[in-house]
Amino acid sequence: MLIFEEMTEEWLDFIVECRSGGTHNYDIVIGAMANDQIYNYVSDFIDGIINREQFWVLAKFKHPTHQVCFCSDKALNTLQFIEYKTLGNYDRQRR
């Protein structure tokens, strides 16, 4: 398991490696998700449009969502379905 408590240099390097086609051996990766805005900055960094310092200036005020990524069958096999709940009006029949 790899855990990123926040966006760090290590996190950026990991995201760049993954987005560039690299692989890793972690079953689960937990940390900040490179959402659309953050990913645009990552993409610009990968393409050389911005440097590492510029990336951090841009990303500084963004508050990414948190994600848990199950990256292997071994990780997925740890999950157990418990129940489901219907939210909103989705359980009403359509007319």
PDB file of N, CA and C in Angstrom:
ATOM      1  N   MET A   1       0.854  -1.169   0.000  1.00  0.00           N
ATOM      2  CA  MET A   1       0.000   0.000   0.000  1.00  0.00           C
ATOM      3  C   MET A   1       0.903   1.236   0.000  1.00  0.00           C
ATOM      4  N   LEU A   2       0.505   2.205  -0.791  1.00  0.00           N
ATOM      5  CA  LEU A   2       1.216   3.487  -0.837  1.00  0.00           C
ATOM      6  C   LEU A   2       0.223   4.568  -0.435  1.00  0.00           C
ATOM      7  N   ILE A   3       0.607   5.385   0.539  1.00  0.00           N
ATOM      8  CA  ILE A   3      -0.281   6.438   1.042  1.00  0.00           C
ATOM      9  C   ILE A   3       0.400   7.789   0.902  1.00  0.00           C
ATOM     10  N   PHE A   4      -0.301   8.715   0.266  1.00  0.00           N
ATOM     11  CA  PHE A   4       0.143  10.106   0.177  1.00  0.00           C
ATOM     12  C   PHE A   4      -0.789  10.930   1.059  1.00  0.00           C
ATOM     13  N   GLU A   5      -0.257  11.462   2.140  1.00  0.00           N
ATOM     14  CA  GLU A   5      -1.067  12.272   3.053  1.00  0.00           C
ATOM     15  C   GLU A   5      -1.462  13.604   2.416  1.00  0.00           C
ATOM     16  N   GLU A   6      -0.618  14.088   1.511  1.00  0.00           N
ATOM     17  CA  GLU A   6      -0.882  15.351   0.815  1.00  0.00           C
ATOM     18  C   GLU A   6      -0.116  15.347  -0.498  1.00  0.00           C
ATOM     19  N   MET A   7      -0.342  16.363  -1.303  1.00  0.00           N
ATOM     20  CA  MET A   7       0.387  16.479  -2.558  1.00  0.00           C
ATOM     21  C   MET A   7       1.828  16.888  -2.233  1.00  0.00           C
ATOM     22  N   THR A   8       2.766  16.025  -2.564  1.00  0.00           N
ATOM     23  CA  THR A   8       4.180  16.254  -2.289  1.00  0.00           C
ATOM     24  C   THR A   8       4.970  16.025  -3.576  1.00  0.00           C
ATOM     25  N   GLU A   9       6.275  16.249  -3.504  1.00  0.00           N
ATOM     26  CA  GLU A   9       7.138  15.961  -4.639  1.00  0.00           C
ATOM     27  C   GLU A   9       7.037  14.485  -5.030  1.00  0.00           C
ATOM     28  N   GLU A  10       7.026  13.618  -4.026  1.00  0.00           N
ATOM     29  CA  GLU A  10       6.903  12.176  -4.280  1.00  0.00           C
ATOM     30  C   GLU A  10       5.569  11.877  -4.980  1.00  0.00           C
ATOM     31  N   TRP A  11       4.478  12.502  -4.522  1.00  0.00           N
ATOM     32  CA  TRP A  11       3.166  12.328  -5.137  1.00  0.00           C
ATOM     33  C   TRP A  11       3.207  12.761  -6.599  1.00  0.00           C
ATOM     34  N   LEU A  12       3.779  13.948  -6.877  1.00  0.00           N
ATOM     35  CA  LEU A  12       3.855  14.450  -8.243  1.00  0.00           C
ATOM     36  C   LEU A  12       4.654  13.492  -9.127  1.00  0.00           C
ATOM     37  N   ASP A  13       5.787  13.023  -8.644  1.00  0.00           N
ATOM     38  CA  ASP A  13       6.599  12.086  -9.420  1.00  0.00           C
ATOM     39  C   ASP A  13       5.835  10.795  -9.708  1.00  0.00           C
ATOM     40  N   PHE A  14       5.081  10.307  -8.724  1.00  0.00           N
ATOM     41  CA  PHE A  14       4.289   9.088  -8.898  1.00  0.00           C
ATOM     42  C   PHE A  14       3.203   9.305  -9.948  1.00  0.00           C
ATOM     43  N   ILE A  15       2.493  10.430  -9.864  1.00  0.00           N
ATOM     44  CA  ILE A  15       1.426  10.731 -10.827  1.00  0.00           C
ATOM     45  C   ILE A  15       2.005  10.859 -12.234  1.00  0.00           C
ATOM     46  N   VAL A  16       3.102  11.572 -12.367  1.00  0.00           N
ATOM     47  CA  VAL A  16       3.743  11.742 -13.680  1.00  0.00           C
ATOM     48  C   VAL A  16       4.145  10.384 -14.244  1.00  0.00           C
ATOM     49  N   GLU A  17       4.750   9.545 -13.430  1.00  0.00           N
ATOM     50  CA  GLU A  17       5.162   8.214 -13.888  1.00  0.00           C
ATOM     51  C   GLU A  17       3.961   7.393 -14.354  1.00  0.00           C
ATOM     52  N   CYS A  18       2.881   7.401 -13.572  1.00  0.00           N
ATOM     53  CA  CYS A  18       1.680   6.638 -13.944  1.00  0.00           C
ATOM     54  C   CYS A  18       1.036   7.193 -15.213  1.00  0.00           C
ATOM     55  N   ARG A  19       0.920   8.513 -15.296  1.00  0.00           N
ATOM     56  CA  ARG A  19       0.296   9.135 -16.469  1.00  0.00           C
ATOM     57  C   ARG A  19       1.156   9.011 -17.714  1.00  0.00           C
ATOM     58  N   SER A  20       2.431   8.678 -17.537  1.00  0.00           N
ATOM     59  CA  SER A  20       3.342   8.507 -18.670  1.00  0.00           C
ATOM     60  C   SER A  20       3.463   7.038 -19.076  1.00  0.00           C
ATOM     61  N   GLY A  21       2.601   6.191 -18.504  1.00  0.00           N
ATOM     62  CA  GLY A  21       2.587   4.780 -18.884  1.00  0.00           C
ATOM     63  C   GLY A  21       3.362   3.866 -17.967  1.00  0.00           C
ATOM     64  N   GLY A  22       3.924   4.418 -16.902  1.00  0.00           N
ATOM     65  CA  GLY A  22       4.679   3.601 -15.962  1.00  0.00           C
ATOM     66  C   GLY A  22       3.768   2.694 -15.150  1.00  0.00           C
ATOM     67  N   THR A  23       4.353   1.686 -14.565  1.00  0.00           N
ATOM     68  CA  THR A  23       3.600   0.766 -13.721  1.00  0.00           C
ATOM     69  C   THR A  23       4.195   0.767 -12.316  1.00  0.00           C
ATOM     70  N   HIS A  24       3.477   0.164 -11.393  1.00  0.00           N
ATOM     71  CA  HIS A  24       3.955   0.032 -10.018  1.00  0.00           C
ATOM     72  C   HIS A  24       3.448  -1.290  -9.464  1.00  0.00           C
ATOM     73  N   ASN A  25       3.922  -1.668  -8.311  1.00  0.00           N
ATOM     74  CA  ASN A  25       3.553  -2.946  -7.706  1.00  0.00           C
ATOM     75  C   ASN A  25       2.682  -2.798  -6.467  1.00  0.00           C
ATOM     76  N   TYR A  26       2.068  -1.636  -6.294  1.00  0.00           N
ATOM     77  CA  TYR A  26       1.223  -1.425  -5.116  1.00  0.00           C
ATOM     78  C   TYR A  26      -0.167  -2.009  -5.357  1.00  0.00           C
ATOM     79  N   ASP A  27      -0.717  -2.634  -4.328  1.00  0.00           N
ATOM     80  CA  ASP A  27      -2.081  -3.147  -4.412  1.00  0.00           C
ATOM     81  C   ASP A  27      -3.089  -2.018  -4.233  1.00  0.00           C
ATOM     82  N   ILE A  28      -2.777  -1.079  -3.357  1.00  0.00           N
ATOM     83  CA  ILE A  28      -3.673   0.036  -3.058  1.00  0.00           C
ATOM     84  C   ILE A  28      -2.846   1.315  -2.987  1.00  0.00           C
ATOM     85  N   VAL A  29      -3.366   2.373  -3.612  1.00  0.00           N
ATOM     86  CA  VAL A  29      -2.741   3.695  -3.520  1.00  0.00           C
ATOM     87  C   VAL A  29      -3.797   4.648  -2.986  1.00  0.00           C
ATOM     88  N   ILE A  30      -3.441   5.385  -1.949  1.00  0.00           N
ATOM     89  CA  ILE A  30      -4.364   6.312  -1.299  1.00  0.00           C
ATOM     90  C   ILE A  30      -3.750   7.703  -1.334  1.00  0.00           C
ATOM     91  N   GLY A  31      -4.562   8.694  -1.689  1.00  0.00           N
ATOM     92  CA  GLY A  31      -4.050  10.058  -1.663  1.00  0.00           C
ATOM     93  C   GLY A  31      -4.866  11.003  -2.499  1.00  0.00           C
ATOM     94  N   ALA A  32      -4.285  12.161  -2.741  1.00  0.00           N
ATOM     95  CA  ALA A  32      -4.949  13.201  -3.516  1.00  0.00           C
ATOM     96  C   ALA A  32      -5.181  12.721  -4.945  1.00  0.00           C
ATOM     97  N   MET A  33      -6.353  13.018  -5.462  1.00  0.00           N
ATOM     98  CA  MET A  33      -6.686  12.648  -6.830  1.00  0.00           C
ATOM     99  C   MET A  33      -6.370  13.823  -7.745  1.00  0.00           C
ATOM    100  N   ALA A  34      -5.726  13.546  -8.848  1.00  0.00           N
ATOM    101  CA  ALA A  34      -5.439  14.591  -9.834  1.00  0.00           C
ATOM    102  C   ALA A  34      -6.715  14.834 -10.640  1.00  0.00           C
ATOM    103  N   ASN A  35      -7.613  15.666 -10.090  1.00  0.00           N
ATOM    104  CA  ASN A  35      -8.861  15.981 -10.781  1.00  0.00           C
ATOM    105  C   ASN A  35      -8.571  16.771 -12.054  1.00  0.00           C
ATOM    106  N   ASP A  36      -9.602  17.203 -12.775  1.00  0.00           N
ATOM    107  CA  ASP A  36      -9.406  17.856 -14.075  1.00  0.00           C
ATOM    108  C   ASP A  36      -8.443  19.031 -13.998  1.00  0.00           C
ATOM    109  N   GLN A  37      -8.614  19.903 -13.022  1.00  0.00           N
ATOM    110  CA  GLN A  37      -7.757  21.085 -12.933  1.00  0.00           C
ATOM    111  C   GLN A  37      -6.317  20.699 -12.594  1.00  0.00           C
ATOM    112  N   ILE A  38      -6.157  19.871 -11.594  1.00  0.00           N
ATOM    113  CA  ILE A  38      -4.819  19.423 -11.205  1.00  0.00           C
ATOM    114  C   ILE A  38      -4.188  18.648 -12.360  1.00  0.00           C
ATOM    115  N   TYR A  39      -4.985  17.798 -13.019  1.00  0.00           N
ATOM    116  CA  TYR A  39      -4.421  17.015 -14.121  1.00  0.00           C
ATOM    117  C   TYR A  39      -3.940  17.920 -15.249  1.00  0.00           C
ATOM    118  N   ASN A  40      -4.646  19.016 -15.506  1.00  0.00           N
ATOM    119  CA  ASN A  40      -4.179  19.956 -16.529  1.00  0.00           C
ATOM    120  C   ASN A  40      -2.789  20.480 -16.177  1.00  0.00           C
ATOM    121  N   TYR A  41      -2.558  20.763 -14.905  1.00  0.00           N
ATOM    122  CA  TYR A  41      -1.242  21.216 -14.464  1.00  0.00           C
ATOM    123  C   TYR A  41      -0.204  20.105 -14.622  1.00  0.00           C
ATOM    124  N   VAL A  42      -0.589  18.877 -14.258  1.00  0.00           N
ATOM    125  CA  VAL A  42       0.314  17.732 -14.413  1.00  0.00           C
ATOM    126  C   VAL A  42       0.667  17.555 -15.885  1.00  0.00           C
ATOM    127  N   SER A  43      -0.341  17.632 -16.737  1.00  0.00           N
ATOM    128  CA  SER A  43      -0.121  17.493 -18.179  1.00  0.00           C
ATOM    129  C   SER A  43       0.821  18.571 -18.703  1.00  0.00           C
ATOM    130  N   ASP A  44       0.601  19.805 -18.264  1.00  0.00           N
ATOM    131  CA  ASP A  44       1.484  20.905 -18.667  1.00  0.00           C
ATOM    132  C   ASP A  44       2.908  20.671 -18.173  1.00  0.00           C
ATOM    133  N   PHE A  45       3.044  20.118 -16.965  1.00  0.00           N
ATOM    134  CA  PHE A  45       4.357  19.797 -16.423  1.00  0.00           C
ATOM    135  C   PHE A  45       5.029  18.705 -17.255  1.00  0.00           C
ATOM    136  N   ILE A  46       4.281  17.643 -17.571  1.00  0.00           N
ATOM    137  CA  ILE A  46       4.815  16.549 -18.380  1.00  0.00           C
ATOM    138  C   ILE A  46       5.261  17.065 -19.743  1.00  0.00           C
ATOM    139  N   ASP A  47       4.455  17.950 -20.335  1.00  0.00           N
ATOM    140  CA  ASP A  47       4.755  18.475 -21.676  1.00  0.00           C
ATOM    141  C   ASP A  47       5.828  19.558 -21.675  1.00  0.00           C
ATOM    142  N   GLY A  48       6.293  19.957 -20.493  1.00  0.00           N
ATOM    143  CA  GLY A  48       7.343  20.965 -20.409  1.00  0.00           C
ATOM    144  C   GLY A  48       6.837  22.392 -20.553  1.00  0.00           C
ATOM    145  N   ILE A  49       5.530  22.580 -20.492  1.00  0.00           N
ATOM    146  CA  ILE A  49       4.945  23.922 -20.601  1.00  0.00           C
ATOM    147  C   ILE A  49       5.197  24.716 -19.323  1.00  0.00           C
ATOM    148  N   ILE A  50       5.139  24.013 -18.192  1.00  0.00           N
ATOM    149  CA  ILE A  50       5.469  24.638 -16.911  1.00  0.00           C
ATOM    150  C   ILE A  50       6.531  23.782 -16.235  1.00  0.00           C
ATOM    151  N   ASN A  51       7.306  24.398 -15.348  1.00  0.00           N
ATOM    152  CA  ASN A  51       8.299  23.627 -14.602  1.00  0.00           C
ATOM    153  C   ASN A  51       7.704  23.196 -13.256  1.00  0.00           C
ATOM    154  N   ARG A  52       8.491  22.475 -12.494  1.00  0.00           N
ATOM    155  CA  ARG A  52       8.028  21.944 -11.212  1.00  0.00           C
ATOM    156  C   ARG A  52       7.594  23.070 -10.267  1.00  0.00           C
ATOM    157  N   GLU A  53       8.365  24.125 -10.182  1.00  0.00           N
ATOM    158  CA  GLU A  53       8.024  25.253  -9.305  1.00  0.00           C
ATOM    159  C   GLU A  53       6.699  25.889  -9.719  1.00  0.00           C
ATOM    160  N   GLN A  54       6.507  26.074 -11.013  1.00  0.00           N
ATOM    161  CA  GLN A  54       5.252  26.655 -11.510  1.00  0.00           C
ATOM    162  C   GLN A  54       4.066  25.739 -11.213  1.00  0.00           C
ATOM    163  N   PHE A  55       4.288  24.417 -11.318  1.00  0.00           N
ATOM    164  CA  PHE A  55       3.224  23.466 -10.980  1.00  0.00           C
ATOM    165  C   PHE A  55       2.750  23.708  -9.552  1.00  0.00           C
ATOM    166  N   TRP A  56       3.688  23.792  -8.613  1.00  0.00           N
ATOM    167  CA  TRP A  56       3.315  23.936  -7.206  1.00  0.00           C
ATOM    168  C   TRP A  56       2.647  25.274  -6.923  1.00  0.00           C
ATOM    169  N   VAL A  57       3.047  26.323  -7.619  1.00  0.00           N
ATOM    170  CA  VAL A  57       2.382  27.621  -7.453  1.00  0.00           C
ATOM    171  C   VAL A  57       0.923  27.501  -7.885  1.00  0.00           C
ATOM    172  N   LEU A  58       0.687  26.852  -9.022  1.00  0.00           N
ATOM    173  CA  LEU A  58      -0.684  26.692  -9.523  1.00  0.00           C
ATOM    174  C   LEU A  58      -1.510  25.747  -8.657  1.00  0.00           C
ATOM    175  N   ALA A  59      -0.911  24.660  -8.208  1.00  0.00           N
ATOM    176  CA  ALA A  59      -1.642  23.640  -7.450  1.00  0.00           C
ATOM    177  C   ALA A  59      -1.854  24.022  -5.994  1.00  0.00           C
ATOM    178  N   LYS A  60      -1.125  25.003  -5.509  1.00  0.00           N
ATOM    179  CA  LYS A  60      -1.132  25.378  -4.095  1.00  0.00           C
ATOM    180  C   LYS A  60      -2.524  25.656  -3.537  1.00  0.00           C
ATOM    181  N   PHE A  61      -3.362  26.318  -4.297  1.00  0.00           N
ATOM    182  CA  PHE A  61      -4.673  26.716  -3.781  1.00  0.00           C
ATOM    183  C   PHE A  61      -5.790  25.765  -4.193  1.00  0.00           C
ATOM    184  N   LYS A  62      -5.442  24.684  -4.857  1.00  0.00           N
ATOM    185  CA  LYS A  62      -6.440  23.692  -5.239  1.00  0.00           C
ATOM    186  C   LYS A  62      -6.548  22.665  -4.133  1.00  0.00           C
ATOM    187  N   HIS A  63      -7.742  22.243  -3.850  1.00  0.00           N
ATOM    188  CA  HIS A  63      -7.979  21.250  -2.818  1.00  0.00           C
ATOM    189  C   HIS A  63      -8.503  19.993  -3.488  1.00  0.00           C
ATOM    190  N   PRO A  64      -7.601  19.092  -3.824  1.00  0.00           N
ATOM    191  CA  PRO A  64      -8.029  17.896  -4.555  1.00  0.00           C
ATOM    192  C   PRO A  64      -8.884  16.980  -3.695  1.00  0.00           C
ATOM    193  N   THR A  65      -9.682  16.187  -4.366  1.00  0.00           N
ATOM    194  CA  THR A  65     -10.446  15.180  -3.653  1.00  0.00           C
ATOM    195  C   THR A  65      -9.521  14.032  -3.295  1.00  0.00           C
ATOM    196  N   HIS A  66      -9.938  13.238  -2.372  1.00  0.00           N
ATOM    197  CA  HIS A  66      -9.140  12.122  -1.881  1.00  0.00           C
ATOM    198  C   HIS A  66      -9.642  10.846  -2.556  1.00  0.00           C
ATOM    199  N   GLN A  67      -8.746   9.947  -2.889  1.00  0.00           N
ATOM    200  CA  GLN A  67      -9.178   8.707  -3.517  1.00  0.00           C
ATOM    201  C   GLN A  67      -8.438   7.509  -2.941  1.00  0.00           C
ATOM    202  N   VAL A  68      -9.093   6.365  -3.053  1.00  0.00           N
ATOM    203  CA  VAL A  68      -8.488   5.085  -2.747  1.00  0.00           C
ATOM    204  C   VAL A  68      -8.551   4.291  -4.037  1.00  0.00           C
ATOM    205  N   CYS A  69      -7.396   3.914  -4.550  1.00  0.00           N
ATOM    206  CA  CYS A  69      -7.318   3.205  -5.819  1.00  0.00           C
ATOM    207  C   CYS A  69      -6.937   1.749  -5.556  1.00  0.00           C
ATOM    208  N   PHE A  70      -7.822   0.830  -5.932  1.00  0.00           N
ATOM    209  CA  PHE A  70      -7.545  -0.600  -5.813  1.00  0.00           C
ATOM    210  C   PHE A  70      -6.900  -1.038  -7.121  1.00  0.00           C
ATOM    211  N   CYS A  71      -5.622  -1.345  -7.077  1.00  0.00           N
ATOM    212  CA  CYS A  71      -4.812  -1.523  -8.290  1.00  0.00           C
ATOM    213  C   CYS A  71      -4.563  -2.975  -8.667  1.00  0.00           C
ATOM    214  N   SER A  72      -5.046  -3.908  -7.883  1.00  0.00           N
ATOM    215  CA  SER A  72      -4.777  -5.313  -8.182  1.00  0.00           C
ATOM    216  C   SER A  72      -5.979  -6.169  -7.800  1.00  0.00           C
ATOM    217  N   ASP A  73      -6.008  -7.373  -8.329  1.00  0.00           N
ATOM    218  CA  ASP A  73      -7.054  -8.326  -7.951  1.00  0.00           C
ATOM    219  C   ASP A  73      -6.966  -8.633  -6.460  1.00  0.00           C
ATOM    220  N   LYS A  74      -5.740  -8.707  -5.946  1.00  0.00           N
ATOM    221  CA  LYS A  74      -5.537  -8.963  -4.517  1.00  0.00           C
ATOM    222  C   LYS A  74      -6.241  -7.888  -3.680  1.00  0.00           C
ATOM    223  N   ALA A  75      -6.099  -6.628  -4.084  1.00  0.00           N
ATOM    224  CA  ALA A  75      -6.744  -5.520  -3.363  1.00  0.00           C
ATOM    225  C   ALA A  75      -8.259  -5.604  -3.486  1.00  0.00           C
ATOM    226  N   LEU A  76      -8.750  -5.883  -4.680  1.00  0.00           N
ATOM    227  CA  LEU A  76     -10.198  -5.966  -4.887  1.00  0.00           C
ATOM    228  C   LEU A  76     -10.819  -7.102  -4.086  1.00  0.00           C
ATOM    229  N   ASN A  77     -10.074  -8.163  -3.897  1.00  0.00           N
ATOM    230  CA  ASN A  77     -10.592  -9.304  -3.140  1.00  0.00           C
ATOM    231  C   ASN A  77     -10.744  -9.006  -1.653  1.00  0.00           C
ATOM    232  N   THR A  78     -10.217  -7.872  -1.184  1.00  0.00           N
ATOM    233  CA  THR A  78     -10.389  -7.505   0.221  1.00  0.00           C
ATOM    234  C   THR A  78     -11.741  -6.837   0.461  1.00  0.00           C
ATOM    235  N   LEU A  79     -12.420  -6.445  -0.612  1.00  0.00           N
ATOM    236  CA  LEU A  79     -13.708  -5.771  -0.482  1.00  0.00           C
ATOM    237  C   LEU A  79     -14.830  -6.777  -0.248  1.00  0.00           C
ATOM    238  N   GLN A  80     -15.803  -6.366   0.565  1.00  0.00           N
ATOM    239  CA  GLN A  80     -16.958  -7.210   0.826  1.00  0.00           C
ATOM    240  C   GLN A  80     -18.209  -6.354   0.732  1.00  0.00           C
ATOM    241  N   PHE A  81     -19.148  -6.775  -0.102  1.00  0.00           N
ATOM    242  CA  PHE A  81     -20.420  -6.069  -0.223  1.00  0.00           C
ATOM    243  C   PHE A  81     -21.212  -6.255   1.055  1.00  0.00           C
ATOM    244  N   ILE A  82     -21.724  -5.149   1.598  1.00  0.00           N
ATOM    245  CA  ILE A  82     -22.493  -5.221   2.833  1.00  0.00           C
ATOM    246  C   ILE A  82     -23.963  -4.902   2.565  1.00  0.00           C
ATOM    247  N   GLU A  83     -24.227  -3.774   1.917  1.00  0.00           N
ATOM    248  CA  GLU A  83     -25.605  -3.388   1.631  1.00  0.00           C
ATOM    249  C   GLU A  83     -25.607  -2.252   0.624  1.00  0.00           C
ATOM    250  N   TYR A  84     -26.771  -1.908   0.157  1.00  0.00           N
ATOM    251  CA  TYR A  84     -26.922  -0.735  -0.686  1.00  0.00           C
ATOM    252  C   TYR A  84     -28.123   0.059  -0.205  1.00  0.00           C
ATOM    253  N   LYS A  85     -28.132   1.322  -0.556  1.00  0.00           N
ATOM    254  CA  LYS A  85     -29.255   2.203  -0.237  1.00  0.00           C
ATOM    255  C   LYS A  85     -29.579   3.005  -1.483  1.00  0.00           C
ATOM    256  N   THR A  86     -30.853   3.184  -1.728  1.00  0.00           N
ATOM    257  CA  THR A  86     -31.286   3.996  -2.848  1.00  0.00           C
ATOM    258  C   THR A  86     -31.396   5.432  -2.373  1.00  0.00           C
ATOM    259  N   LEU A  87     -30.792   6.346  -3.118  1.00  0.00           N
ATOM    260  CA  LEU A  87     -30.802   7.762  -2.773  1.00  0.00           C
ATOM    261  C   LEU A  87     -31.763   8.513  -3.677  1.00  0.00           C
ATOM    262  N   GLY A  88     -32.370   9.546  -3.150  1.00  0.00           N
ATOM    263  CA  GLY A  88     -33.243  10.392  -3.963  1.00  0.00           C
ATOM    264  C   GLY A  88     -34.504   9.677  -4.396  1.00  0.00           C
ATOM    265  N   ASN A  89     -35.004  10.060  -5.560  1.00  0.00           N
ATOM    266  CA  ASN A  89     -36.255   9.522  -6.083  1.00  0.00           C
ATOM    267  C   ASN A  89     -36.040   8.404  -7.091  1.00  0.00           C
ATOM    268  N   TYR A  90     -34.911   7.770  -7.063  1.00  0.00           N
ATOM    269  CA  TYR A  90     -34.586   6.755  -8.063  1.00  0.00           C
ATOM    270  C   TYR A  90     -35.387   5.474  -7.910  1.00  0.00           C
ATOM    271  N   ASP A  91     -36.032   5.289  -6.761  1.00  0.00           N
ATOM    272  CA  ASP A  91     -36.780   4.048  -6.558  1.00  0.00           C
ATOM    273  C   ASP A  91     -38.233   4.166  -7.035  1.00  0.00           C
ATOM    274  N   ARG A  92     -38.649   5.332  -7.512  1.00  0.00           N
ATOM    275  CA  ARG A  92     -40.016   5.496  -8.016  1.00  0.00           C
ATOM    276  C   ARG A  92     -40.121   4.960  -9.427  1.00  0.00           C
ATOM    277  N   GLN A  93     -41.294   4.408  -9.747  1.00  0.00           N
ATOM    278  CA  GLN A  93     -41.504   3.914 -11.107  1.00  0.00           C
ATOM    279  C   GLN A  93     -41.591   5.088 -12.069  1.00  0.00           C
ATOM    280  N   ARG A  94     -41.072   4.864 -13.266  1.00  0.00           N
ATOM    281  CA  ARG A  94     -41.202   5.896 -14.305  1.00  0.00           C
ATOM    282  C   ARG A  94     -42.601   5.816 -14.903  1.00  0.00           C
ATOM    283  N   ARG A  95     -43.126   6.961 -15.243  1.00  0.00           N
ATOM    284  CA  ARG A  95     -44.477   6.982 -15.818  1.00  0.00           C
ATOM    285  C   ARG A  95     -44.419   7.185 -17.295  1.00  0.00           C
TER     286      ARG A  95
END
